[in-house]
Amino acid sequence: SGLGLAEPVLHFLDMLALATTPCALISLGAFLAEKRAGAQASPWPLVGLKLVGQPALTWVLAYKVFSLPSMWAASAVLLAALPTGTGPFMLAEYYNREAGLISRTILLSTVASLVTLTGLLYLLGYAG
């Protein structure tokens, strides 16, 4: 018809579109964690390594070892701080190794990354 959408509707749809990936990861993690509830190992060491250890190591490499420009170094650190994706679960499932632990790690790292990524954005000076 050639008619455009109202600005508030466009803004709402943009926000909804940006929320789909985190919601999908949380839903997938919750589904997989429920499916494998019998496992005993704690996912917290893996979550800590992913959300704190990997960004810290990346920070040292990006800023101190390779002396990257500030924008590139901050981008590398933020990418390293993203939650665990579904690739490790697919590998664990394929090789029949601790898929339940990985599914809980996906769920917890996605939820915890809301706090860690926000804090990292403030530390790097990109929030505020």
C-alpha atoms as a PDB file:
ATOM      1  CA  SER A   1       0.000   0.000   0.000  1.00  0.00           C
ATOM      2  CA  GLY A   2       2.995   2.297   0.393  1.00  0.00           C
ATOM      3  CA  LEU A   3       1.905   3.394   3.864  1.00  0.00           C
ATOM      4  CA  GLY A   4       4.620   3.454   6.494  1.00  0.00           C
ATOM      5  CA  LEU A   5       4.406   2.324  10.086  1.00  0.00           C
ATOM      6  CA  ALA A   6       4.181   4.794  12.923  1.00  0.00           C
ATOM      7  CA  GLU A   7       7.485   5.629  14.626  1.00  0.00           C
ATOM      8  CA  PRO A   8       6.516   4.012  17.986  1.00  0.00           C
ATOM      9  CA  VAL A   9       5.574   0.791  16.183  1.00  0.00           C
ATOM     10  CA  LEU A  10       8.905   0.750  14.333  1.00  0.00           C
ATOM     11  CA  HIS A  11      10.778   1.366  17.580  1.00  0.00           C
ATOM     12  CA  PHE A  12       8.887  -1.465  19.299  1.00  0.00           C
ATOM     13  CA  LEU A  13       9.618  -3.870  16.434  1.00  0.00           C
ATOM     14  CA  ASP A  14      13.317  -2.924  16.477  1.00  0.00           C
ATOM     15  CA  MET A  15      13.533  -3.638  20.211  1.00  0.00           C
ATOM     16  CA  LEU A  16      11.677  -6.915  19.746  1.00  0.00           C
ATOM     17  CA  ALA A  17      14.047  -7.979  16.967  1.00  0.00           C
ATOM     18  CA  LEU A  18      17.109  -7.218  19.117  1.00  0.00           C
ATOM     19  CA  ALA A  19      15.745  -9.402  21.925  1.00  0.00           C
ATOM     20  CA  THR A  20      15.203 -12.530  19.843  1.00  0.00           C
ATOM     21  CA  THR A  21      18.738 -13.968  20.024  1.00  0.00           C
ATOM     22  CA  PRO A  22      19.164 -13.720  23.820  1.00  0.00           C
ATOM     23  CA  CYS A  23      15.647 -15.081  24.332  1.00  0.00           C
ATOM     24  CA  ALA A  24      16.361 -17.979  21.982  1.00  0.00           C
ATOM     25  CA  LEU A  25      19.588 -18.851  23.831  1.00  0.00           C
ATOM     26  CA  ILE A  26      17.867 -18.729  27.226  1.00  0.00           C
ATOM     27  CA  SER A  27      14.978 -20.856  25.959  1.00  0.00           C
ATOM     28  CA  LEU A  28      17.337 -23.366  24.381  1.00  0.00           C
ATOM     29  CA  GLY A  29      19.491 -23.502  27.505  1.00  0.00           C
ATOM     30  CA  ALA A  30      16.455 -23.999  29.751  1.00  0.00           C
ATOM     31  CA  PHE A  31      15.135 -26.764  27.512  1.00  0.00           C
ATOM     32  CA  LEU A  32      18.477 -28.528  27.343  1.00  0.00           C
ATOM     33  CA  ALA A  33      19.202 -28.090  31.049  1.00  0.00           C
ATOM     34  CA  GLU A  34      15.846 -29.634  31.914  1.00  0.00           C
ATOM     35  CA  LYS A  35      16.481 -32.519  29.528  1.00  0.00           C
ATOM     36  CA  ARG A  36      19.802 -33.380  31.216  1.00  0.00           C
ATOM     37  CA  ALA A  37      18.925 -32.684  34.850  1.00  0.00           C
ATOM     38  CA  GLY A  38      20.619 -35.844  36.206  1.00  0.00           C
ATOM     39  CA  ALA A  39      24.223 -34.669  35.760  1.00  0.00           C
ATOM     40  CA  GLN A  40      26.240 -33.874  38.916  1.00  0.00           C
ATOM     41  CA  ALA A  41      29.035 -31.562  37.738  1.00  0.00           C
ATOM     42  CA  SER A  42      28.670 -27.843  38.418  1.00  0.00           C
ATOM     43  CA  PRO A  43      28.681 -25.516  35.407  1.00  0.00           C
ATOM     44  CA  TRP A  44      29.916 -22.507  37.428  1.00  0.00           C
ATOM     45  CA  PRO A  45      33.649 -23.060  36.814  1.00  0.00           C
ATOM     46  CA  LEU A  46      32.995 -23.119  33.058  1.00  0.00           C
ATOM     47  CA  VAL A  47      30.741 -20.062  33.291  1.00  0.00           C
ATOM     48  CA  GLY A  48      33.406 -18.194  35.263  1.00  0.00           C
ATOM     49  CA  LEU A  49      36.111 -19.096  32.782  1.00  0.00           C
ATOM     50  CA  LYS A  50      33.923 -18.011  29.867  1.00  0.00           C
ATOM     51  CA  LEU A  51      32.611 -14.745  31.301  1.00  0.00           C
ATOM     52  CA  VAL A  52      35.638 -13.609  33.323  1.00  0.00           C
ATOM     53  CA  GLY A  53      38.706 -15.644  32.372  1.00  0.00           C
ATOM     54  CA  GLN A  54      38.433 -15.442  28.598  1.00  0.00           C
ATOM     55  CA  PRO A  55      37.773 -11.658  28.521  1.00  0.00           C
ATOM     56  CA  ALA A  56      40.630 -11.085  30.999  1.00  0.00           C
ATOM     57  CA  LEU A  57      43.051 -13.090  28.863  1.00  0.00           C
ATOM     58  CA  THR A  58      41.831 -11.285  25.752  1.00  0.00           C
ATOM     59  CA  TRP A  59      42.315  -7.915  27.482  1.00  0.00           C
ATOM     60  CA  VAL A  60      45.937  -8.769  28.310  1.00  0.00           C
ATOM     61  CA  LEU A  61      46.610  -9.971  24.777  1.00  0.00           C
ATOM     62  CA  ALA A  62      44.802  -7.103  23.030  1.00  0.00           C
ATOM     63  CA  TYR A  63      46.074  -4.207  25.147  1.00  0.00           C
ATOM     64  CA  LYS A  64      49.442  -5.374  26.494  1.00  0.00           C
ATOM     65  CA  VAL A  65      50.832  -7.966  24.078  1.00  0.00           C
ATOM     66  CA  PHE A  66      49.585  -6.815  20.681  1.00  0.00           C
ATOM     67  CA  SER A  67      48.901  -3.135  21.554  1.00  0.00           C
ATOM     68  CA  LEU A  68      45.796  -2.982  19.389  1.00  0.00           C
ATOM     69  CA  PRO A  69      44.026   0.337  18.832  1.00  0.00           C
ATOM     70  CA  SER A  70      41.507   1.036  21.568  1.00  0.00           C
ATOM     71  CA  MET A  71      38.386   0.323  19.504  1.00  0.00           C
ATOM     72  CA  TRP A  72      39.734  -3.010  18.215  1.00  0.00           C
ATOM     73  CA  ALA A  73      40.954  -4.105  21.624  1.00  0.00           C
ATOM     74  CA  ALA A  74      37.627  -3.241  23.277  1.00  0.00           C
ATOM     75  CA  SER A  75      35.770  -5.087  20.511  1.00  0.00           C
ATOM     76  CA  ALA A  76      37.912  -8.173  21.040  1.00  0.00           C
ATOM     77  CA  VAL A  77      37.329  -8.098  24.799  1.00  0.00           C
ATOM     78  CA  LEU A  78      33.564  -7.673  24.363  1.00  0.00           C
ATOM     79  CA  LEU A  79      33.408 -10.529  21.863  1.00  0.00           C
ATOM     80  CA  ALA A  80      35.343 -12.739  24.269  1.00  0.00           C
ATOM     81  CA  ALA A  81      32.843 -11.856  27.024  1.00  0.00           C
ATOM     82  CA  LEU A  82      29.795 -13.087  25.122  1.00  0.00           C
ATOM     83  CA  PRO A  83      27.982 -16.104  26.595  1.00  0.00           C
ATOM     84  CA  THR A  84      28.630 -19.677  25.548  1.00  0.00           C
ATOM     85  CA  GLY A  85      26.943 -20.503  22.254  1.00  0.00           C
ATOM     86  CA  THR A  86      25.360 -23.732  21.094  1.00  0.00           C
ATOM     87  CA  GLY A  87      28.439 -25.074  19.266  1.00  0.00           C
ATOM     88  CA  PRO A  88      29.946 -26.740  22.360  1.00  0.00           C
ATOM     89  CA  PHE A  89      26.624 -28.449  23.073  1.00  0.00           C
ATOM     90  CA  MET A  90      26.456 -29.843  19.545  1.00  0.00           C
ATOM     91  CA  LEU A  91      30.010 -31.206  19.870  1.00  0.00           C
ATOM     92  CA  ALA A  92      29.294 -32.680  23.313  1.00  0.00           C
ATOM     93  CA  GLU A  93      26.127 -34.309  22.018  1.00  0.00           C
ATOM     94  CA  TYR A  94      27.889 -35.637  18.921  1.00  0.00           C
ATOM     95  CA  TYR A  95      30.759 -37.158  20.908  1.00  0.00           C
ATOM     96  CA  ASN A  96      28.469 -38.245  23.767  1.00  0.00           C
ATOM     97  CA  ARG A  97      30.349 -36.155  26.376  1.00  0.00           C
ATOM     98  CA  GLU A  98      28.713 -34.103  29.168  1.00  0.00           C
ATOM     99  CA  ALA A  99      25.960 -32.509  27.069  1.00  0.00           C
ATOM    100  CA  GLY A 100      23.964 -31.808  30.241  1.00  0.00           C
ATOM    101  CA  LEU A 101      26.816 -29.845  31.775  1.00  0.00           C
ATOM    102  CA  ILE A 102      27.259 -27.834  28.594  1.00  0.00           C
ATOM    103  CA  SER A 103      23.541 -27.103  28.321  1.00  0.00           C
ATOM    104  CA  ARG A 104      23.501 -25.719  31.872  1.00  0.00           C
ATOM    105  CA  THR A 105      26.630 -23.715  31.056  1.00  0.00           C
ATOM    106  CA  ILE A 106      24.859 -22.189  28.042  1.00  0.00           C
ATOM    107  CA  LEU A 107      21.855 -21.217  30.145  1.00  0.00           C
ATOM    108  CA  LEU A 108      23.800 -19.790  33.092  1.00  0.00           C
ATOM    109  CA  SER A 109      26.376 -17.951  30.981  1.00  0.00           C
ATOM    110  CA  THR A 110      23.603 -16.324  28.943  1.00  0.00           C
ATOM    111  CA  VAL A 111      21.769 -15.140  32.044  1.00  0.00           C
ATOM    112  CA  ALA A 112      24.952 -14.083  33.905  1.00  0.00           C
ATOM    113  CA  SER A 113      26.287 -12.236  30.855  1.00  0.00           C
ATOM    114  CA  LEU A 114      23.581  -9.618  31.346  1.00  0.00           C
ATOM    115  CA  VAL A 115      25.506  -8.480  34.415  1.00  0.00           C
ATOM    116  CA  THR A 116      29.064  -9.140  33.213  1.00  0.00           C
ATOM    117  CA  LEU A 117      28.635  -7.494  29.808  1.00  0.00           C
ATOM    118  CA  THR A 118      27.000  -4.450  31.364  1.00  0.00           C
ATOM    119  CA  GLY A 119      29.863  -4.137  33.842  1.00  0.00           C
ATOM    120  CA  LEU A 120      32.436  -4.610  31.102  1.00  0.00           C
ATOM    121  CA  LEU A 121      30.826  -1.889  28.984  1.00  0.00           C
ATOM    122  CA  TYR A 122      31.133   0.489  31.935  1.00  0.00           C
ATOM    123  CA  LEU A 123      34.746  -0.530  32.599  1.00  0.00           C
ATOM    124  CA  LEU A 124      35.680   0.018  28.968  1.00  0.00           C
ATOM    125  CA  GLY A 125      33.899   3.392  28.936  1.00  0.00           C
ATOM    126  CA  TYR A 126      31.245   2.520  26.342  1.00  0.00           C
ATOM    127  CA  ALA A 127      28.189   2.812  28.587  1.00  0.00           C
ATOM    128  CA  GLY A 128      26.734   5.723  30.366  1.00  0.00           C
END
